Amino acid sequence: MKKKLGFWQQVALIFFTVSGGAYGLEALVGAVGATWSVILVIALPLLWAVPVALMVAELSTAIPEEGGYYIWVKRGLGKFWGFQEGWWTLCYSAVDLALYPVLFVTYLGFFFPTLGAETFQMSLLRWGICVVFIIGALLMNLRGTQAVGTNALANLMLVSFPFLLLTICGFFYGDWSLLKNAFSGDHLTHTTPAAIATGLAVVLWNYCGWDNVSTYASEVENPQKNYPRALSVSLLIIVLSYLLPLLAGFKATTTPTDWSEGAGWPAIAEKLAGSWLGILGGIAALLSAWALFNSQLLYISRLPTAMAKDGWLPKAIAKTSPQGSPITALLIMSGLAAVFSSLSLGKLMVVDILFYTLGLSLEFCALVALRKKEPHLARPFRIPLETLGLTILSIIPVSLAVIVAVFSTMGEGGSFVQVGIVAAGVVAGVIIFERRSKYLHKKNFFAEALSEHATT
């Protein structure tokens, strides 16, 4: 029997699937300022993370199967919507997965500034480092879920330590007047719609992924008990890991150029307490990118495997190793990550959020549908709400993504490109489903005809 994930291993995997630390929040402060940053970091867990975590807790304990949300939607809404759920998730994950090798190289530039040079040779070198990074994570995932969970647990402690030091140093170093001015002279009422869209997208992205931890539910020890507990503990850790470093960082600098991906936490930590903390922050950033990629690769590789078992993807994708790792799916997703890591992701973060929320809306619909369709299904954890309450709970997080979509097309810097990309992806999902359905129908027809002929 293969070993299953323990409670703290699961907490670590949830942490790195959803968060991985405050890395990535720098762009939030640069876009909307200190006040909006703190408001969004505190408010979004209540409006976004908590509803999603509650939904995941109920469905993952009721249906702890490999494939997670794909299985929920297929079971609650039917094959068509089940396929769309899987397809939309694959669309955003293929791009999102490549973000972590790119972040790794970005933070590596803190130690080797020449990596940031805009030359063909350096671009090729950055991509080469990304590929080596991806191959290392692929080898780790091939060892199985237990190995990835243990690695995530170790990295959770290593990544948290520099941020803990940053928070402590915030009490003794820096300028208290900077912290005060960050909230008094802020552009709270002067922020453009496009900037708010960027800020919302950054925070939503930093709080998204709760449903993704459901795809390996069958590999979790006592999922009915551990999922709700692990989700609750992880949410508290994540909120604190965002809020406390932000407040400490404001004592060091409020300059937008410091709060950017080009400088980021290592540079902010260096300004607050010296080069020693900047170095620790840089090392933790590298470890965070590594653990995030491993956790993301773990969950996303299970989805095409589940879809292949249902016939929507080639059967070869369902092949697994003796340790239970989906070999073909891991190779495919790693290959896609290597391709996309050669590109600049920029505003594709908005695309991630829009695709993610499309899938999330189906998961909430499945939650309501399964309450009606399977009222006697054992639910070890049950959200204490009925149909109307569940509907309201579902509308809140989906509305946030609608705001991102609308605001991202408004004002200076707005663009319809992201919405167009998502629309094209949705149309492609419908076309692929229809063609694959016809293929499966013909295949089943001939199989039944041959079986009938053989019997005769």
Protein backbone atom coordinates (compact mmCIF):
# COMPACT_ATOMS: atom_id res chain seq x y z
CA MET A 1 0.00 0.00 0.00
CA LYS A 2 1.30 3.44 -0.89
CA LYS A 3 1.72 5.89 1.97
CA LYS A 4 -0.88 8.64 2.29
CA LEU A 5 -0.52 12.32 3.19
CA GLY A 6 -0.60 13.15 6.90
CA PHE A 7 -2.29 16.24 8.36
CA TRP A 8 0.73 18.58 8.44
CA GLN A 9 1.92 17.41 5.04
CA GLN A 10 -1.53 18.31 3.73
CA VAL A 11 -1.38 21.74 5.42
CA ALA A 12 1.98 22.38 3.74
CA LEU A 13 0.67 21.30 0.33
CA ILE A 14 -2.42 23.53 0.69
CA PHE A 15 -0.15 26.43 1.70
CA PHE A 16 2.01 26.01 -1.39
CA THR A 17 -0.93 25.29 -3.70
CA VAL A 18 -2.73 28.47 -2.62
CA SER A 19 0.04 30.76 -1.41
CA GLY A 20 3.71 29.96 -0.86
CA GLY A 21 4.26 33.16 1.10
CA ALA A 22 3.86 36.85 0.28
CA TYR A 23 5.88 36.55 -2.94
CA GLY A 24 3.90 38.12 -5.78
CA LEU A 25 2.14 40.68 -3.56
CA GLU A 26 4.78 43.31 -4.39
CA ALA A 27 2.94 44.21 -7.60
CA LEU A 28 -0.23 44.80 -5.57
CA VAL A 29 1.33 47.63 -3.55
CA GLY A 30 2.92 49.11 -6.66
CA ALA A 31 -0.48 49.16 -8.40
CA VAL A 32 -2.94 50.34 -5.72
CA GLY A 33 -0.87 51.60 -2.76
CA ALA A 34 -0.73 50.63 0.90
CA THR A 35 -4.33 51.24 1.99
CA TRP A 36 -5.98 49.33 -0.84
CA SER A 37 -3.41 46.54 -0.41
CA VAL A 38 -4.27 45.99 3.26
CA ILE A 39 -8.03 46.27 2.57
CA LEU A 40 -7.86 43.67 -0.19
CA VAL A 41 -5.61 41.28 1.76
CA ILE A 42 -8.01 41.33 4.74
CA ALA A 43 -11.35 41.45 2.86
CA LEU A 44 -10.66 38.91 0.12
CA PRO A 45 -10.37 35.88 2.46
CA LEU A 46 -13.92 36.59 3.68
CA LEU A 47 -15.37 37.22 0.22
CA TRP A 48 -13.29 34.73 -1.78
CA ALA A 49 -11.23 32.23 0.21
CA VAL A 50 -13.76 31.28 2.91
CA PRO A 51 -16.65 30.46 0.49
CA VAL A 52 -14.30 28.39 -1.69
CA ALA A 53 -12.75 26.59 1.30
CA LEU A 54 -16.22 25.75 2.67
CA MET A 55 -17.30 24.36 -0.70
CA VAL A 56 -14.11 22.29 -0.97
CA ALA A 57 -14.50 20.99 2.59
CA GLU A 58 -18.03 19.70 1.91
CA LEU A 59 -17.44 18.17 -1.51
CA SER A 60 -13.97 16.72 -0.90
CA THR A 61 -15.17 14.92 2.25
CA ALA A 62 -18.37 13.72 0.56
CA ILE A 63 -16.61 12.58 -2.66
CA PRO A 64 -12.90 11.97 -1.83
CA GLU A 65 -11.98 10.72 -5.32
CA GLU A 66 -9.01 11.30 -7.63
CA GLY A 67 -9.93 14.16 -9.97
CA GLY A 68 -11.63 16.30 -7.31
CA TYR A 69 -13.71 19.12 -8.80
CA TYR A 70 -13.88 17.42 -12.21
CA ILE A 71 -15.68 14.49 -10.56
CA TRP A 72 -17.96 16.83 -8.56
CA VAL A 73 -19.10 18.77 -11.61
CA LYS A 74 -19.54 15.68 -13.79
CA ARG A 75 -21.57 13.98 -11.07
CA GLY A 76 -23.67 17.05 -10.28
CA LEU A 77 -24.12 18.71 -13.70
CA GLY A 78 -23.33 16.02 -16.28
CA LYS A 79 -20.56 15.07 -18.70
CA PHE A 80 -20.63 18.27 -20.78
CA TRP A 81 -20.02 20.58 -17.83
CA GLY A 82 -17.61 18.09 -16.28
CA PHE A 83 -15.47 18.30 -19.40
CA GLN A 84 -15.66 22.11 -19.46
CA GLU A 85 -14.54 22.20 -15.83
CA GLY A 86 -11.52 20.09 -16.65
CA TRP A 87 -10.74 21.98 -19.87
CA TRP A 88 -10.92 25.46 -18.30
CA THR A 89 -8.70 24.31 -15.46
CA LEU A 90 -6.14 22.91 -17.89
CA CYS A 91 -6.21 26.20 -19.85
CA TYR A 92 -5.35 28.42 -16.91
CA SER A 93 -3.00 25.90 -15.31
CA ALA A 94 -0.88 25.47 -18.43
CA VAL A 95 -0.03 29.18 -18.30
CA ASP A 96 -0.06 29.52 -14.52
CA LEU A 97 2.35 26.61 -14.06
CA ALA A 98 5.03 28.44 -16.04
CA LEU A 99 4.89 31.42 -13.68
CA TYR A 100 6.90 29.71 -10.94
CA PRO A 101 10.06 28.92 -12.94
CA VAL A 102 9.94 32.51 -14.21
CA LEU A 103 9.59 33.82 -10.63
CA PHE A 104 12.51 31.59 -9.62
CA VAL A 105 14.74 33.17 -12.25
CA THR A 106 13.45 36.66 -11.35
CA TYR A 107 14.45 36.25 -7.70
CA LEU A 108 17.71 34.59 -8.73
CA GLY A 109 18.49 37.94 -10.34
CA PHE A 110 18.80 39.42 -6.82
CA PHE A 111 22.01 37.40 -6.44
CA PHE A 112 23.09 37.63 -10.10
CA PRO A 113 21.91 41.01 -11.46
CA THR A 114 23.28 40.31 -14.96
CA LEU A 115 20.46 37.76 -15.40
CA GLY A 116 18.09 40.69 -15.88
CA ALA A 117 19.89 41.98 -18.97
CA GLU A 118 17.62 42.19 -22.01
CA THR A 119 19.88 40.35 -24.47
CA PHE A 120 19.27 37.21 -26.51
CA GLN A 121 22.01 35.31 -24.64
CA MET A 122 20.55 36.17 -21.25
CA SER A 123 17.01 35.36 -22.41
CA LEU A 124 18.25 31.94 -23.53
CA LEU A 125 20.08 31.44 -20.23
CA ARG A 126 16.97 32.37 -18.21
CA TRP A 127 14.90 29.89 -20.21
CA GLY A 128 17.58 27.20 -19.73
CA ILE A 129 17.44 27.70 -15.96
CA CYS A 130 13.65 27.39 -16.12
CA VAL A 131 13.94 24.07 -17.97
CA VAL A 132 16.41 22.65 -15.42
CA PHE A 133 14.07 23.83 -12.65
CA ILE A 134 11.12 22.05 -14.31
CA ILE A 135 13.05 18.80 -14.83
CA GLY A 136 14.02 18.75 -11.13
CA ALA A 137 10.38 19.19 -10.07
CA LEU A 138 9.28 16.50 -12.55
CA LEU A 139 11.72 14.01 -10.99
CA MET A 140 10.42 14.94 -7.53
CA ASN A 141 6.79 14.37 -8.56
CA LEU A 142 7.62 11.02 -10.16
CA ARG A 143 8.63 9.81 -6.70
CA GLY A 144 5.01 10.15 -5.55
CA THR A 145 2.66 12.29 -3.47
CA GLN A 146 4.37 11.42 -0.18
CA ALA A 147 7.72 12.76 -1.41
CA VAL A 148 6.14 16.01 -2.64
CA GLY A 149 4.24 16.46 0.65
CA THR A 150 7.37 15.90 2.77
CA ASN A 151 9.31 18.36 0.59
CA ALA A 152 6.50 20.93 0.94
CA LEU A 153 6.47 20.54 4.75
CA ALA A 154 10.22 21.19 4.96
CA ASN A 155 9.97 24.18 2.62
CA LEU A 156 7.02 25.60 4.60
CA MET A 157 9.30 26.05 7.61
CA LEU A 158 12.23 27.35 5.54
CA VAL A 159 10.11 29.87 3.61
CA SER A 160 8.23 31.09 6.69
CA PHE A 161 11.41 31.79 8.69
CA PRO A 162 12.65 34.86 6.72
CA PHE A 163 9.15 36.37 6.73
CA LEU A 164 8.98 35.78 10.48
CA LEU A 165 12.31 37.59 10.83
CA LEU A 166 11.03 40.38 8.55
CA THR A 167 7.96 40.80 10.75
CA ILE A 168 10.04 40.86 13.96
CA CYS A 169 12.53 43.31 12.44
CA GLY A 170 9.58 45.52 11.54
CA PHE A 171 9.17 46.32 15.25
CA PHE A 172 12.80 47.38 15.72
CA TYR A 173 13.94 48.71 12.35
CA GLY A 174 12.54 51.05 9.74
CA ASP A 175 10.66 54.31 10.05
CA TRP A 176 7.29 54.41 11.83
CA SER A 177 6.46 57.65 10.01
CA LEU A 178 6.69 55.81 6.68
CA LEU A 179 4.09 53.32 7.91
CA LYS A 180 1.83 56.17 9.02
CA ASN A 181 2.25 58.10 5.78
CA ALA A 182 1.57 54.96 3.74
CA PHE A 183 -2.05 55.13 4.90
CA SER A 184 -2.52 58.89 5.11
CA GLY A 185 -1.13 60.09 1.77
CA ASP A 186 -2.33 57.13 -0.19
CA HIS A 187 -4.17 57.16 -3.54
CA LEU A 188 -7.22 55.49 -2.00
CA THR A 189 -9.64 57.72 -3.94
CA HIS A 190 -7.41 58.24 -6.98
CA THR A 191 -6.87 54.64 -8.05
CA THR A 192 -7.95 53.96 -11.65
CA PRO A 193 -10.31 51.08 -12.55
CA ALA A 194 -7.50 49.32 -14.44
CA ALA A 195 -5.26 49.55 -11.34
CA ILE A 196 -8.04 48.14 -9.13
CA ALA A 197 -8.49 45.29 -11.64
CA THR A 198 -4.76 44.57 -11.42
CA GLY A 199 -4.87 44.72 -7.62
CA LEU A 200 -7.89 42.44 -7.43
CA ALA A 201 -6.30 39.99 -9.88
CA VAL A 202 -3.07 39.89 -7.85
CA VAL A 203 -4.88 39.25 -4.54
CA LEU A 204 -7.34 36.76 -6.02
CA TRP A 205 -4.42 34.95 -7.63
CA ASN A 206 -2.66 34.85 -4.26
CA TYR A 207 -5.79 33.41 -2.63
CA CYS A 208 -6.87 31.01 -5.38
CA GLY A 209 -6.28 27.27 -5.56
CA TRP A 210 -8.35 25.98 -2.64
CA ASP A 211 -10.31 23.64 -4.89
CA ASN A 212 -7.13 22.35 -6.51
CA VAL A 213 -6.15 20.51 -3.32
CA SER A 214 -9.14 18.21 -3.89
CA THR A 215 -7.69 16.40 -6.92
CA TYR A 216 -5.59 14.04 -4.77
CA ALA A 217 -8.26 13.43 -2.09
CA SER A 218 -7.91 9.65 -2.43
CA GLU A 219 -4.24 9.99 -1.45
CA VAL A 220 -4.99 11.84 1.82
CA GLU A 221 -5.05 10.11 5.19
CA ASN A 222 -8.57 10.26 6.71
CA PRO A 223 -9.82 12.94 4.24
CA GLN A 224 -13.24 13.34 5.91
CA LYS A 225 -11.55 14.59 9.08
CA ASN A 226 -8.34 16.16 7.79
CA TYR A 227 -9.66 18.28 4.90
CA PRO A 228 -11.77 20.73 6.98
CA ARG A 229 -9.04 20.98 9.65
CA ALA A 230 -6.22 21.46 7.16
CA LEU A 231 -8.17 24.09 5.19
CA SER A 232 -8.89 26.11 8.36
CA VAL A 233 -5.30 26.04 9.61
CA SER A 234 -3.93 26.87 6.16
CA LEU A 235 -6.25 29.89 5.74
CA LEU A 236 -5.07 31.42 9.03
CA ILE A 237 -1.41 30.86 8.15
CA ILE A 238 -1.85 32.37 4.67
CA VAL A 239 -3.63 35.55 5.83
CA LEU A 240 -0.95 36.22 8.47
CA SER A 241 1.85 35.42 6.01
CA TYR A 242 0.51 38.21 3.76
CA LEU A 243 -0.56 40.90 6.23
CA LEU A 244 2.35 40.98 8.70
CA PRO A 245 5.19 41.23 6.12
CA LEU A 246 3.27 43.97 4.27
CA LEU A 247 3.05 46.11 7.41
CA ALA A 248 6.73 45.52 8.19
CA GLY A 249 7.71 46.33 4.61
CA PHE A 250 5.89 49.68 4.70
CA LYS A 251 8.33 50.77 7.43
CA ALA A 252 11.21 50.27 4.98
CA THR A 253 9.83 51.84 1.82
CA THR A 254 6.64 52.92 0.09
CA THR A 255 8.28 53.67 -3.24
CA PRO A 256 6.38 51.91 -6.09
CA THR A 257 9.62 50.84 -7.82
CA ASP A 258 10.62 48.91 -4.69
CA TRP A 259 7.21 47.24 -4.56
CA SER A 260 7.57 45.52 -7.93
CA GLU A 261 8.64 42.18 -9.34
CA GLY A 262 11.93 43.74 -10.40
CA ALA A 263 12.93 44.46 -6.79
CA GLY A 264 10.50 42.72 -4.46
CA TRP A 265 10.85 41.25 -0.99
CA PRO A 266 14.63 40.65 -1.01
CA ALA A 267 15.25 44.34 -1.78
CA ILE A 268 12.60 45.48 0.75
CA ALA A 269 14.09 43.24 3.47
CA GLU A 270 17.56 44.62 2.69
CA LYS A 271 16.30 48.19 3.12
CA LEU A 272 14.60 47.32 6.39
CA ALA A 273 17.35 45.46 8.26
CA GLY A 274 20.41 45.11 6.03
CA SER A 275 21.89 42.80 3.43
CA TRP A 276 21.74 39.73 5.70
CA LEU A 277 17.92 39.78 5.70
CA GLY A 278 17.84 40.51 1.97
CA ILE A 279 19.95 37.40 1.33
CA LEU A 280 17.70 35.24 3.53
CA GLY A 281 14.64 36.65 1.77
CA GLY A 282 16.15 35.89 -1.62
CA ILE A 283 16.91 32.29 -0.66
CA ALA A 284 13.39 31.84 0.73
CA ALA A 285 11.96 33.26 -2.52
CA LEU A 286 13.81 30.59 -4.51
CA LEU A 287 12.57 27.83 -2.18
CA SER A 288 9.03 29.19 -2.37
CA ALA A 289 9.01 29.11 -6.19
CA TRP A 290 10.33 25.54 -6.08
CA ALA A 291 7.72 24.32 -3.58
CA LEU A 292 4.90 26.17 -5.37
CA PHE A 293 5.75 24.58 -8.70
CA ASN A 294 5.95 21.10 -7.14
CA SER A 295 2.56 21.49 -5.46
CA GLN A 296 0.93 22.89 -8.61
CA LEU A 297 2.39 20.12 -10.76
CA LEU A 298 1.09 17.54 -8.27
CA TYR A 299 -2.54 18.65 -8.44
CA ILE A 300 -2.77 19.54 -12.13
CA SER A 301 -1.29 16.22 -13.30
CA ARG A 302 -4.18 14.35 -11.62
CA LEU A 303 -6.83 16.17 -13.67
CA PRO A 304 -5.91 14.97 -17.20
CA THR A 305 -5.45 11.49 -15.70
CA ALA A 306 -9.06 11.49 -14.43
CA MET A 307 -10.32 12.85 -17.77
CA ALA A 308 -8.37 10.19 -19.68
CA LYS A 309 -9.98 7.44 -17.60
CA ASP A 310 -13.36 8.80 -18.72
CA GLY A 311 -12.30 8.74 -22.37
CA TRP A 312 -12.14 12.50 -22.94
CA LEU A 313 -8.38 12.36 -23.40
CA PRO A 314 -6.19 9.56 -24.84
CA LYS A 315 -5.96 6.52 -22.54
CA ALA A 316 -2.14 6.74 -22.50
CA ILE A 317 -2.43 9.83 -20.29
CA ALA A 318 -3.93 7.68 -17.52
CA LYS A 319 -0.72 5.64 -17.13
CA THR A 320 0.68 5.69 -13.59
CA SER A 321 3.90 4.56 -11.90
CA PRO A 322 4.09 1.98 -9.07
CA GLN A 323 4.14 4.96 -6.67
CA GLY A 324 0.82 6.17 -8.12
CA SER A 325 2.27 9.11 -10.04
CA PRO A 326 0.58 9.89 -13.41
CA ILE A 327 3.71 9.59 -15.59
CA THR A 328 2.33 10.76 -18.95
CA ALA A 329 0.34 13.65 -17.49
CA LEU A 330 3.38 14.85 -15.54
CA LEU A 331 5.51 14.80 -18.70
CA ILE A 332 2.88 16.69 -20.72
CA MET A 333 2.30 19.41 -18.10
CA SER A 334 6.05 19.81 -17.52
CA GLY A 335 6.57 20.17 -21.28
CA LEU A 336 3.88 22.86 -21.51
CA ALA A 337 5.43 24.70 -18.57
CA ALA A 338 8.81 24.64 -20.32
CA VAL A 339 7.28 26.13 -23.49
CA PHE A 340 5.35 28.90 -21.70
CA SER A 341 8.26 29.77 -19.39
CA SER A 342 10.00 31.31 -22.42
CA LEU A 343 7.27 33.99 -22.52
CA SER A 344 6.49 37.07 -20.45
CA LEU A 345 3.28 36.35 -18.50
CA GLY A 346 2.34 39.95 -17.58
CA LYS A 347 -1.41 40.50 -17.86
CA LEU A 348 -2.05 36.77 -18.29
CA MET A 349 -2.61 36.79 -14.51
CA VAL A 350 -6.03 38.24 -15.35
CA VAL A 351 -6.60 35.37 -17.80
CA ASP A 352 -5.77 32.92 -15.00
CA ILE A 353 -8.34 34.46 -12.69
CA LEU A 354 -11.08 34.55 -15.35
CA PHE A 355 -10.56 30.92 -16.40
CA TYR A 356 -10.28 29.90 -12.76
CA THR A 357 -13.53 31.60 -11.83
CA LEU A 358 -15.40 30.03 -14.73
CA GLY A 359 -14.46 26.64 -13.32
CA LEU A 360 -15.19 27.81 -9.78
CA SER A 361 -18.72 28.84 -10.74
CA LEU A 362 -19.37 25.30 -12.01
CA GLU A 363 -18.08 23.85 -8.74
CA PHE A 364 -20.52 25.99 -6.74
CA CYS A 365 -23.33 24.96 -9.12
CA ALA A 366 -22.36 21.33 -8.52
CA LEU A 367 -22.48 21.95 -4.75
CA VAL A 368 -26.10 23.13 -5.01
CA ALA A 369 -27.05 20.47 -7.58
CA LEU A 370 -25.66 17.60 -5.49
CA ARG A 371 -27.65 18.80 -2.47
CA LYS A 372 -30.82 18.29 -4.55
CA LYS A 373 -29.66 15.32 -6.63
CA GLU A 374 -28.08 13.28 -3.83
CA PRO A 375 -29.66 14.50 -0.57
CA HIS A 376 -28.71 11.30 1.25
CA LEU A 377 -25.02 11.44 0.26
CA ALA A 378 -22.87 11.16 3.39
CA ARG A 379 -21.38 14.60 4.09
CA PRO A 380 -18.94 14.42 7.04
CA PHE A 381 -18.63 18.21 6.73
CA ARG A 382 -21.77 20.06 5.68
CA ILE A 383 -22.04 23.82 5.12
CA PRO A 384 -24.85 24.93 7.48
CA LEU A 385 -26.83 26.62 4.69
CA GLU A 386 -29.73 25.59 2.48
CA THR A 387 -30.29 26.33 -1.23
CA LEU A 388 -30.77 30.11 -0.98
CA GLY A 389 -27.81 30.53 1.38
CA LEU A 390 -25.58 28.35 -0.83
CA THR A 391 -26.58 30.40 -3.88
CA ILE A 392 -25.63 33.67 -2.18
CA LEU A 393 -22.37 32.11 -0.96
CA SER A 394 -21.62 31.11 -4.56
CA ILE A 395 -22.42 34.49 -6.13
CA ILE A 396 -19.99 36.46 -3.94
CA PRO A 397 -16.65 35.01 -5.21
CA VAL A 398 -17.88 34.77 -8.81
CA SER A 399 -18.86 38.47 -8.73
CA LEU A 400 -15.28 39.42 -7.84
CA ALA A 401 -14.00 37.84 -11.05
CA VAL A 402 -16.68 39.69 -13.03
CA ILE A 403 -15.38 42.95 -11.51
CA VAL A 404 -11.84 42.01 -12.59
CA ALA A 405 -13.09 41.32 -16.13
CA VAL A 406 -14.99 44.62 -16.39
CA PHE A 407 -12.32 46.80 -14.77
CA SER A 408 -9.54 45.23 -16.82
CA THR A 409 -11.13 46.71 -19.98
CA MET A 410 -11.63 50.22 -18.52
CA GLY A 411 -9.42 53.28 -18.31
CA GLU A 412 -5.78 53.72 -19.26
CA GLY A 413 -4.06 50.37 -19.51
CA GLY A 414 -7.34 48.52 -19.98
CA SER A 415 -7.57 45.87 -22.67
CA PHE A 416 -10.09 43.44 -24.14
CA VAL A 417 -7.29 40.99 -25.02
CA GLN A 418 -7.58 38.99 -21.80
CA VAL A 419 -11.35 38.61 -22.15
CA GLY A 420 -10.89 37.62 -25.81
CA ILE A 421 -8.39 34.90 -24.89
CA VAL A 422 -10.82 33.45 -22.34
CA ALA A 423 -13.71 33.59 -24.82
CA ALA A 424 -11.60 31.71 -27.40
CA GLY A 425 -10.75 29.09 -24.80
CA VAL A 426 -14.43 28.60 -23.92
CA VAL A 427 -15.39 28.12 -27.59
CA ALA A 428 -12.53 25.65 -28.07
CA GLY A 429 -13.79 23.62 -25.09
CA VAL A 430 -17.26 23.27 -26.63
CA ILE A 431 -15.83 22.23 -30.01
CA ILE A 432 -13.47 19.65 -28.49
CA PHE A 433 -16.29 18.16 -26.40
CA GLU A 434 -18.61 17.81 -29.40
CA ARG A 435 -15.95 16.15 -31.57
CA ARG A 436 -14.76 13.83 -28.82
CA SER A 437 -18.38 12.90 -28.01
CA LYS A 438 -18.97 11.86 -31.63
CA TYR A 439 -15.77 9.81 -31.61
CA LEU A 440 -16.72 8.03 -28.36
CA HIS A 441 -20.26 7.45 -29.64
CA LYS A 442 -18.98 5.80 -32.83
CA LYS A 443 -16.45 3.77 -30.87
CA ASN A 444 -19.12 2.49 -28.49
CA PHE A 445 -21.49 1.79 -31.39
CA PHE A 446 -18.95 -0.41 -33.20
CA ALA A 447 -17.92 -2.10 -29.95
CA GLU A 448 -21.54 -2.96 -29.18
CA ALA A 449 -22.13 -4.16 -32.77
CA LEU A 450 -19.07 -6.45 -32.64
CA SER A 451 -20.13 -7.79 -29.26
CA GLU A 452 -23.66 -8.50 -30.58
CA HIS A 453 -22.24 -10.19 -33.71
CA ALA A 454 -19.91 -12.37 -31.63
CA THR A 455 -22.81 -13.43 -29.38
CA THR A 456 -24.95 -14.31 -32.40
